[in-house]
């Protein structure tokens, strides 16, 4: 849930050296595999239904990743 991460990031940074830092989130589309028939199902939410057999037993295989790609920091002079 990117919106929740954005909200928490701003709150957690307040009053720290990270205050004013920016966060860029690149969302990866959700993808699941049906446990009944194996069909790959595109997901817009963390749940769904198989397009082929109607099963709701899905194993999420993409879209829950959380990786820090890079960080840039400025050195503060005291």
PDB file of N, CA and C in Angstrom:
ATOM      1  N   UNK A   1       0.823  -1.167   0.000  1.00  0.00           N
ATOM      2  CA  UNK A   1       0.000   0.000   0.000  1.00  0.00           C
ATOM      3  C   UNK A   1       0.885   1.256   0.000  1.00  0.00           C
ATOM      4  N   UNK A   2       1.223   1.758  -1.161  1.00  0.00           N
ATOM      5  CA  UNK A   2       2.121   2.904  -1.280  1.00  0.00           C
ATOM      6  C   UNK A   2       1.674   4.144  -0.505  1.00  0.00           C
ATOM      7  N   UNK A   3       0.359   4.404  -0.454  1.00  0.00           N
ATOM      8  CA  UNK A   3      -0.118   5.590   0.268  1.00  0.00           C
ATOM      9  C   UNK A   3       0.203   5.497   1.753  1.00  0.00           C
ATOM     10  N   UNK A   4       0.078   4.312   2.321  1.00  0.00           N
ATOM     11  CA  UNK A   4       0.387   4.117   3.742  1.00  0.00           C
ATOM     12  C   UNK A   4       1.883   4.317   3.987  1.00  0.00           C
ATOM     13  N   UNK A   5       2.713   3.839   3.082  1.00  0.00           N
ATOM     14  CA  UNK A   5       4.165   4.004   3.229  1.00  0.00           C
ATOM     15  C   UNK A   5       4.536   5.482   3.136  1.00  0.00           C
ATOM     16  N   UNK A   6       3.940   6.190   2.201  1.00  0.00           N
ATOM     17  CA  UNK A   6       4.208   7.634   2.074  1.00  0.00           C
ATOM     18  C   UNK A   6       3.831   8.373   3.355  1.00  0.00           C
ATOM     19  N   UNK A   7       2.650   8.074   3.891  1.00  0.00           N
ATOM     20  CA  UNK A   7       2.173   8.718   5.103  1.00  0.00           C
ATOM     21  C   UNK A   7       3.116   8.418   6.272  1.00  0.00           C
ATOM     22  N   UNK A   8       3.463   7.160   6.453  1.00  0.00           N
ATOM     23  CA  UNK A   8       4.346   6.765   7.562  1.00  0.00           C
ATOM     24  C   UNK A   8       5.734   7.385   7.409  1.00  0.00           C
ATOM     25  N   UNK A   9       6.228   7.452   6.195  1.00  0.00           N
ATOM     26  CA  UNK A   9       7.553   8.027   5.952  1.00  0.00           C
ATOM     27  C   UNK A   9       7.588   9.478   6.418  1.00  0.00           C
ATOM     28  N   UNK A  10       6.591  10.245   6.023  1.00  0.00           N
ATOM     29  CA  UNK A  10       6.546  11.661   6.421  1.00  0.00           C
ATOM     30  C   UNK A  10       6.461  11.815   7.935  1.00  0.00           C
ATOM     31  N   UNK A  11       5.616  11.017   8.573  1.00  0.00           N
ATOM     32  CA  UNK A  11       5.452  11.088  10.023  1.00  0.00           C
ATOM     33  C   UNK A  11       6.743  10.678  10.738  1.00  0.00           C
ATOM     34  N   UNK A  12       7.351   9.597  10.292  1.00  0.00           N
ATOM     35  CA  UNK A  12       8.564   9.082  10.947  1.00  0.00           C
ATOM     36  C   UNK A  12       9.767  10.014  10.774  1.00  0.00           C
ATOM     37  N   UNK A  13       9.779  10.806   9.732  1.00  0.00           N
ATOM     38  CA  UNK A  13      10.905  11.705   9.467  1.00  0.00           C
ATOM     39  C   UNK A  13      10.829  13.011  10.254  1.00  0.00           C
ATOM     40  N   UNK A  14       9.640  13.357  10.745  1.00  0.00           N
ATOM     41  CA  UNK A  14       9.480  14.625  11.453  1.00  0.00           C
ATOM     42  C   UNK A  14      10.394  14.673  12.677  1.00  0.00           C
ATOM     43  N   UNK A  15      11.125  15.790  12.795  1.00  0.00           N
ATOM     44  CA  UNK A  15      11.999  15.998  13.938  1.00  0.00           C
ATOM     45  C   UNK A  15      13.304  15.219  13.887  1.00  0.00           C
ATOM     46  N   UNK A  16      13.622  14.636  12.728  1.00  0.00           N
ATOM     47  CA  UNK A  16      14.878  13.896  12.569  1.00  0.00           C
ATOM     48  C   UNK A  16      15.691  14.536  11.453  1.00  0.00           C
ATOM     49  N   UNK A  17      16.907  14.042  11.249  1.00  0.00           N
ATOM     50  CA  UNK A  17      17.735  14.562  10.157  1.00  0.00           C
ATOM     51  C   UNK A  17      17.114  14.261   8.793  1.00  0.00           C
ATOM     52  N   UNK A  18      16.153  13.368   8.765  1.00  0.00           N
ATOM     53  CA  UNK A  18      15.479  13.031   7.505  1.00  0.00           C
ATOM     54  C   UNK A  18      14.308  13.947   7.190  1.00  0.00           C
ATOM     55  N   UNK A  19      13.967  14.852   8.095  1.00  0.00           N
ATOM     56  CA  UNK A  19      12.851  15.747   7.841  1.00  0.00           C
ATOM     57  C   UNK A  19      13.093  16.521   6.547  1.00  0.00           C
ATOM     58  N   UNK A  20      12.112  16.519   5.694  1.00  0.00           N
ATOM     59  CA  UNK A  20      12.238  17.181   4.395  1.00  0.00           C
ATOM     60  C   UNK A  20      12.737  16.250   3.295  1.00  0.00           C
ATOM     61  N   UNK A  21      13.078  15.013   3.657  1.00  0.00           N
ATOM     62  CA  UNK A  21      13.544  14.055   2.651  1.00  0.00           C
ATOM     63  C   UNK A  21      12.391  13.688   1.731  1.00  0.00           C
ATOM     64  N   UNK A  22      12.723  13.290   0.521  1.00  0.00           N
ATOM     65  CA  UNK A  22      11.674  12.879  -0.412  1.00  0.00           C
ATOM     66  C   UNK A  22      11.732  11.374  -0.608  1.00  0.00           C
ATOM     67  N   UNK A  23      10.588  10.818  -0.910  1.00  0.00           N
ATOM     68  CA  UNK A  23      10.445   9.385  -1.121  1.00  0.00           C
ATOM     69  C   UNK A  23       9.834   9.169  -2.494  1.00  0.00           C
ATOM     70  N   UNK A  24      10.469   8.368  -3.303  1.00  0.00           N
ATOM     71  CA  UNK A  24       9.930   8.043  -4.624  1.00  0.00           C
ATOM     72  C   UNK A  24       9.598   6.561  -4.644  1.00  0.00           C
ATOM     73  N   UNK A  25       8.342   6.252  -4.913  1.00  0.00           N
ATOM     74  CA  UNK A  25       7.901   4.861  -4.961  1.00  0.00           C
ATOM     75  C   UNK A  25       7.565   4.501  -6.401  1.00  0.00           C
ATOM     76  N   UNK A  26       8.188   3.446  -6.889  1.00  0.00           N
ATOM     77  CA  UNK A  26       7.883   2.917  -8.214  1.00  0.00           C
ATOM     78  C   UNK A  26       7.063   1.653  -7.986  1.00  0.00           C
ATOM     79  N   UNK A  27       5.794   1.708  -8.352  1.00  0.00           N
ATOM     80  CA  UNK A  27       4.898   0.586  -8.100  1.00  0.00           C
ATOM     81  C   UNK A  27       5.046  -0.495  -9.164  1.00  0.00           C
ATOM     82  N   UNK A  28       5.127  -1.739  -8.707  1.00  0.00           N
ATOM     83  CA  UNK A  28       5.204  -2.893  -9.589  1.00  0.00           C
ATOM     84  C   UNK A  28       3.803  -3.502  -9.657  1.00  0.00           C
ATOM     85  N   UNK A  29       3.279  -3.763 -10.849  1.00  0.00           N
ATOM     86  CA  UNK A  29       1.931  -4.325 -10.955  1.00  0.00           C
ATOM     87  C   UNK A  29       1.829  -5.668 -10.229  1.00  0.00           C
ATOM     88  N   UNK A  30       0.661  -5.898  -9.593  1.00  0.00           N
ATOM     89  CA  UNK A  30       0.445  -7.153  -8.889  1.00  0.00           C
ATOM     90  C   UNK A  30       0.178  -8.299  -9.852  1.00  0.00           C
ATOM     91  N   UNK A  31       0.709  -9.467  -9.501  1.00  0.00           N
ATOM     92  CA  UNK A  31       0.511 -10.664 -10.310  1.00  0.00           C
ATOM     93  C   UNK A  31       0.405 -11.851  -9.362  1.00  0.00           C
ATOM     94  N   UNK A  32      -0.544 -12.734  -9.638  1.00  0.00           N
ATOM     95  CA  UNK A  32      -0.728 -13.921  -8.805  1.00  0.00           C
ATOM     96  C   UNK A  32      -0.849 -15.141  -9.697  1.00  0.00           C
ATOM     97  N   UNK A  33      -0.656 -16.288  -9.065  1.00  0.00           N
ATOM     98  CA  UNK A  33      -0.841 -17.555  -9.746  1.00  0.00           C
ATOM     99  C   UNK A  33      -2.000 -18.279  -9.068  1.00  0.00           C
ATOM    100  N   UNK A  34      -2.937 -18.787  -9.850  1.00  0.00           N
ATOM    101  CA  UNK A  34      -4.083 -19.507  -9.308  1.00  0.00           C
ATOM    102  C   UNK A  34      -3.614 -20.858  -8.774  1.00  0.00           C
ATOM    103  N   UNK A  35      -3.982 -21.160  -7.529  1.00  0.00           N
ATOM    104  CA  UNK A  35      -3.589 -22.428  -6.909  1.00  0.00           C
ATOM    105  C   UNK A  35      -4.356 -23.617  -7.500  1.00  0.00           C
ATOM    106  N   UNK A  36      -5.481 -23.366  -8.165  1.00  0.00           N
ATOM    107  CA  UNK A  36      -6.297 -24.444  -8.729  1.00  0.00           C
ATOM    108  C   UNK A  36      -5.883 -24.818 -10.147  1.00  0.00           C
ATOM    109  N   UNK A  37      -5.687 -23.802 -11.011  1.00  0.00           N
ATOM    110  CA  UNK A  37      -5.428 -24.115 -12.422  1.00  0.00           C
ATOM    111  C   UNK A  37      -4.091 -23.571 -12.939  1.00  0.00           C
ATOM    112  N   UNK A  38      -3.404 -22.756 -12.109  1.00  0.00           N
ATOM    113  CA  UNK A  38      -2.091 -22.257 -12.502  1.00  0.00           C
ATOM    114  C   UNK A  38      -2.096 -21.015 -13.374  1.00  0.00           C
ATOM    115  N   UNK A  39      -3.270 -20.490 -13.694  1.00  0.00           N
ATOM    116  CA  UNK A  39      -3.361 -19.294 -14.529  1.00  0.00           C
ATOM    117  C   UNK A  39      -2.741 -18.099 -13.819  1.00  0.00           C
ATOM    118  N   UNK A  40      -2.036 -17.269 -14.560  1.00  0.00           N
ATOM    119  CA  UNK A  40      -1.493 -16.016 -14.026  1.00  0.00           C
ATOM    120  C   UNK A  40      -2.606 -14.972 -14.038  1.00  0.00           C
ATOM    121  N   UNK A  41      -2.784 -14.270 -12.902  1.00  0.00           N
ATOM    122  CA  UNK A  41      -3.873 -13.311 -12.744  1.00  0.00           C
ATOM    123  C   UNK A  41      -3.304 -11.945 -12.385  1.00  0.00           C
ATOM    124  N   UNK A  42      -3.655 -10.922 -13.144  1.00  0.00           N
ATOM    125  CA  UNK A  42      -3.240  -9.555 -12.810  1.00  0.00           C
ATOM    126  C   UNK A  42      -4.056  -9.063 -11.622  1.00  0.00           C
ATOM    127  N   UNK A  43      -3.389  -8.394 -10.675  1.00  0.00           N
ATOM    128  CA  UNK A  43      -4.056  -7.903  -9.475  1.00  0.00           C
ATOM    129  C   UNK A  43      -3.908  -6.397  -9.354  1.00  0.00           C
ATOM    130  N   UNK A  44      -4.993  -5.732  -9.006  1.00  0.00           N
ATOM    131  CA  UNK A  44      -4.943  -4.309  -8.695  1.00  0.00           C
ATOM    132  C   UNK A  44      -5.037  -4.094  -7.194  1.00  0.00           C
ATOM    133  N   UNK A  45      -5.388  -5.150  -6.453  1.00  0.00           N
ATOM    134  CA  UNK A  45      -5.475  -5.141  -4.998  1.00  0.00           C
ATOM    135  C   UNK A  45      -4.796  -6.417  -4.507  1.00  0.00           C
ATOM    136  N   UNK A  46      -4.526  -6.529  -3.198  1.00  0.00           N
ATOM    137  CA  UNK A  46      -3.832  -7.723  -2.704  1.00  0.00           C
ATOM    138  C   UNK A  46      -4.715  -8.975  -2.649  1.00  0.00           C
ATOM    139  N   UNK A  47      -5.798  -8.996  -3.400  1.00  0.00           N
ATOM    140  CA  UNK A  47      -6.671 -10.164  -3.478  1.00  0.00           C
ATOM    141  C   UNK A  47      -7.350 -10.133  -4.841  1.00  0.00           C
ATOM    142  N   UNK A  48      -7.960 -11.217  -5.223  1.00  0.00           N
ATOM    143  CA  UNK A  48      -8.642 -11.246  -6.510  1.00  0.00           C
ATOM    144  C   UNK A  48      -9.253 -12.598  -6.778  1.00  0.00           C
ATOM    145  N   UNK A  49      -9.608 -12.816  -8.052  1.00  0.00           N
ATOM    146  CA  UNK A  49     -10.246 -14.050  -8.460  1.00  0.00           C
ATOM    147  C   UNK A  49      -9.652 -14.474  -9.802  1.00  0.00           C
ATOM    148  N   UNK A  50      -9.484 -15.758  -9.968  1.00  0.00           N
ATOM    149  CA  UNK A  50      -8.950 -16.288 -11.219  1.00  0.00           C
ATOM    150  C   UNK A  50      -9.922 -16.037 -12.364  1.00  0.00           C
ATOM    151  N   UNK A  51      -9.407 -15.492 -13.454  1.00  0.00           N
ATOM    152  CA  UNK A  51     -10.218 -15.212 -14.633  1.00  0.00           C
ATOM    153  C   UNK A  51     -10.679 -16.497 -15.335  1.00  0.00           C
ATOM    154  N   UNK A  52      -9.914 -17.566 -15.136  1.00  0.00           N
ATOM    155  CA  UNK A  52     -10.199 -18.807 -15.866  1.00  0.00           C
ATOM    156  C   UNK A  52     -11.168 -19.738 -15.118  1.00  0.00           C
ATOM    157  N   UNK A  53     -10.884 -19.994 -13.806  1.00  0.00           N
ATOM    158  CA  UNK A  53     -11.712 -20.970 -13.092  1.00  0.00           C
ATOM    159  C   UNK A  53     -12.546 -20.366 -11.957  1.00  0.00           C
ATOM    160  N   UNK A  54     -12.326 -19.075 -11.643  1.00  0.00           N
ATOM    161  CA  UNK A  54     -13.111 -18.415 -10.611  1.00  0.00           C
ATOM    162  C   UNK A  54     -12.620 -18.622  -9.189  1.00  0.00           C
ATOM    163  N   UNK A  55     -11.528 -19.327  -9.016  1.00  0.00           N
ATOM    164  CA  UNK A  55     -10.992 -19.584  -7.680  1.00  0.00           C
ATOM    165  C   UNK A  55     -10.461 -18.290  -7.050  1.00  0.00           C
ATOM    166  N   UNK A  56     -10.587 -18.200  -5.738  1.00  0.00           N
ATOM    167  CA  UNK A  56     -10.005 -17.068  -5.011  1.00  0.00           C
ATOM    168  C   UNK A  56      -8.705 -17.482  -4.307  1.00  0.00           C
ATOM    169  N   UNK A  57      -8.289 -18.721  -4.511  1.00  0.00           N
ATOM    170  CA  UNK A  57      -7.031 -19.209  -3.943  1.00  0.00           C
ATOM    171  C   UNK A  57      -5.896 -18.795  -4.871  1.00  0.00           C
ATOM    172  N   UNK A  58      -5.309 -17.655  -4.567  1.00  0.00           N
ATOM    173  CA  UNK A  58      -4.245 -17.110  -5.400  1.00  0.00           C
ATOM    174  C   UNK A  58      -2.971 -16.953  -4.582  1.00  0.00           C
ATOM    175  N   UNK A  59      -1.859 -17.243  -5.217  1.00  0.00           N
ATOM    176  CA  UNK A  59      -0.560 -17.032  -4.588  1.00  0.00           C
ATOM    177  C   UNK A  59       0.069 -15.805  -5.260  1.00  0.00           C
ATOM    178  N   UNK A  60       0.306 -14.762  -4.468  1.00  0.00           N
ATOM    179  CA  UNK A  60       0.892 -13.541  -5.023  1.00  0.00           C
ATOM    180  C   UNK A  60       2.351 -13.807  -5.380  1.00  0.00           C
ATOM    181  N   UNK A  61       2.708 -13.504  -6.621  1.00  0.00           N
ATOM    182  CA  UNK A  61       4.077 -13.749  -7.075  1.00  0.00           C
ATOM    183  C   UNK A  61       4.812 -12.459  -7.463  1.00  0.00           C
ATOM    184  N   UNK A  62       4.090 -11.357  -7.520  1.00  0.00           N
ATOM    185  CA  UNK A  62       4.719 -10.083  -7.866  1.00  0.00           C
ATOM    186  C   UNK A  62       3.870  -8.936  -7.340  1.00  0.00           C
ATOM    187  N   UNK A  63       4.534  -7.890  -6.861  1.00  0.00           N
ATOM    188  CA  UNK A  63       3.826  -6.694  -6.436  1.00  0.00           C
ATOM    189  C   UNK A  63       3.945  -6.387  -4.960  1.00  0.00           C
ATOM    190  N   UNK A  64       4.529  -7.300  -4.184  1.00  0.00           N
ATOM    191  CA  UNK A  64       4.710  -7.057  -2.755  1.00  0.00           C
ATOM    192  C   UNK A  64       6.156  -6.690  -2.418  1.00  0.00           C
ATOM    193  N   UNK A  65       6.980  -6.552  -3.440  1.00  0.00           N
ATOM    194  CA  UNK A  65       8.396  -6.261  -3.220  1.00  0.00           C
ATOM    195  C   UNK A  65       8.573  -4.884  -2.593  1.00  0.00           C
ATOM    196  N   UNK A  66       9.557  -4.782  -1.756  1.00  0.00           N
ATOM    197  CA  UNK A  66       9.931  -3.486  -1.196  1.00  0.00           C
ATOM    198  C   UNK A  66      11.453  -3.465  -1.165  1.00  0.00           C
ATOM    199  N   UNK A  67      12.021  -2.752  -2.098  1.00  0.00           N
ATOM    200  CA  UNK A  67      13.476  -2.671  -2.214  1.00  0.00           C
ATOM    201  C   UNK A  67      13.892  -1.211  -2.239  1.00  0.00           C
ATOM    202  N   UNK A  68      14.969  -0.913  -1.579  1.00  0.00           N
ATOM    203  CA  UNK A  68      15.535   0.430  -1.660  1.00  0.00           C
ATOM    204  C   UNK A  68      16.538   0.405  -2.802  1.00  0.00           C
ATOM    205  N   UNK A  69      16.222   1.148  -3.849  1.00  0.00           N
ATOM    206  CA  UNK A  69      17.072   1.163  -5.030  1.00  0.00           C
ATOM    207  C   UNK A  69      18.288   2.059  -4.825  1.00  0.00           C
ATOM    208  N   UNK A  70      18.062   3.232  -4.229  1.00  0.00           N
ATOM    209  CA  UNK A  70      19.185   4.134  -3.979  1.00  0.00           C
ATOM    210  C   UNK A  70      18.820   5.157  -2.921  1.00  0.00           C
ATOM    211  N   UNK A  71      19.859   5.707  -2.317  1.00  0.00           N
ATOM    212  CA  UNK A  71      19.691   6.786  -1.353  1.00  0.00           C
ATOM    213  C   UNK A  71      20.749   7.835  -1.648  1.00  0.00           C
ATOM    214  N   UNK A  72      20.355   9.077  -1.562  1.00  0.00           N
ATOM    215  CA  UNK A  72      21.292  10.179  -1.717  1.00  0.00           C
ATOM    216  C   UNK A  72      21.298  10.952  -0.423  1.00  0.00           C
ATOM    217  N   UNK A  73      22.477  11.216   0.113  1.00  0.00           N
ATOM    218  CA  UNK A  73      22.576  11.971   1.344  1.00  0.00           C
ATOM    219  C   UNK A  73      23.566  13.114   1.173  1.00  0.00           C
ATOM    220  N   UNK A  74      23.223  14.228   1.774  1.00  0.00           N
ATOM    221  CA  UNK A  74      24.140  15.370   1.787  1.00  0.00           C
ATOM    222  C   UNK A  74      24.836  15.379   3.123  1.00  0.00           C
ATOM    223  N   UNK A  75      26.122  15.629   3.082  1.00  0.00           N
ATOM    224  CA  UNK A  75      26.880  15.710   4.324  1.00  0.00           C
ATOM    225  C   UNK A  75      26.713  17.097   4.913  1.00  0.00           C
ATOM    226  N   UNK A  76      26.294  17.152   6.164  1.00  0.00           N
ATOM    227  CA  UNK A  76      26.081  18.433   6.831  1.00  0.00           C
ATOM    228  C   UNK A  76      27.378  18.894   7.498  1.00  0.00           C
ATOM    229  N   UNK A  77      27.688  20.158   7.343  1.00  0.00           N
ATOM    230  CA  UNK A  77      28.868  20.727   7.991  1.00  0.00           C
ATOM    231  C   UNK A  77      28.404  21.362   9.310  1.00  0.00           C
ATOM    232  N   UNK A  78      29.102  21.048  10.375  1.00  0.00           N
ATOM    233  CA  UNK A  78      28.719  21.609  11.687  1.00  0.00           C
ATOM    234  C   UNK A  78      29.713  22.670  12.113  1.00  0.00           C
TER     235      UNK A  78
END
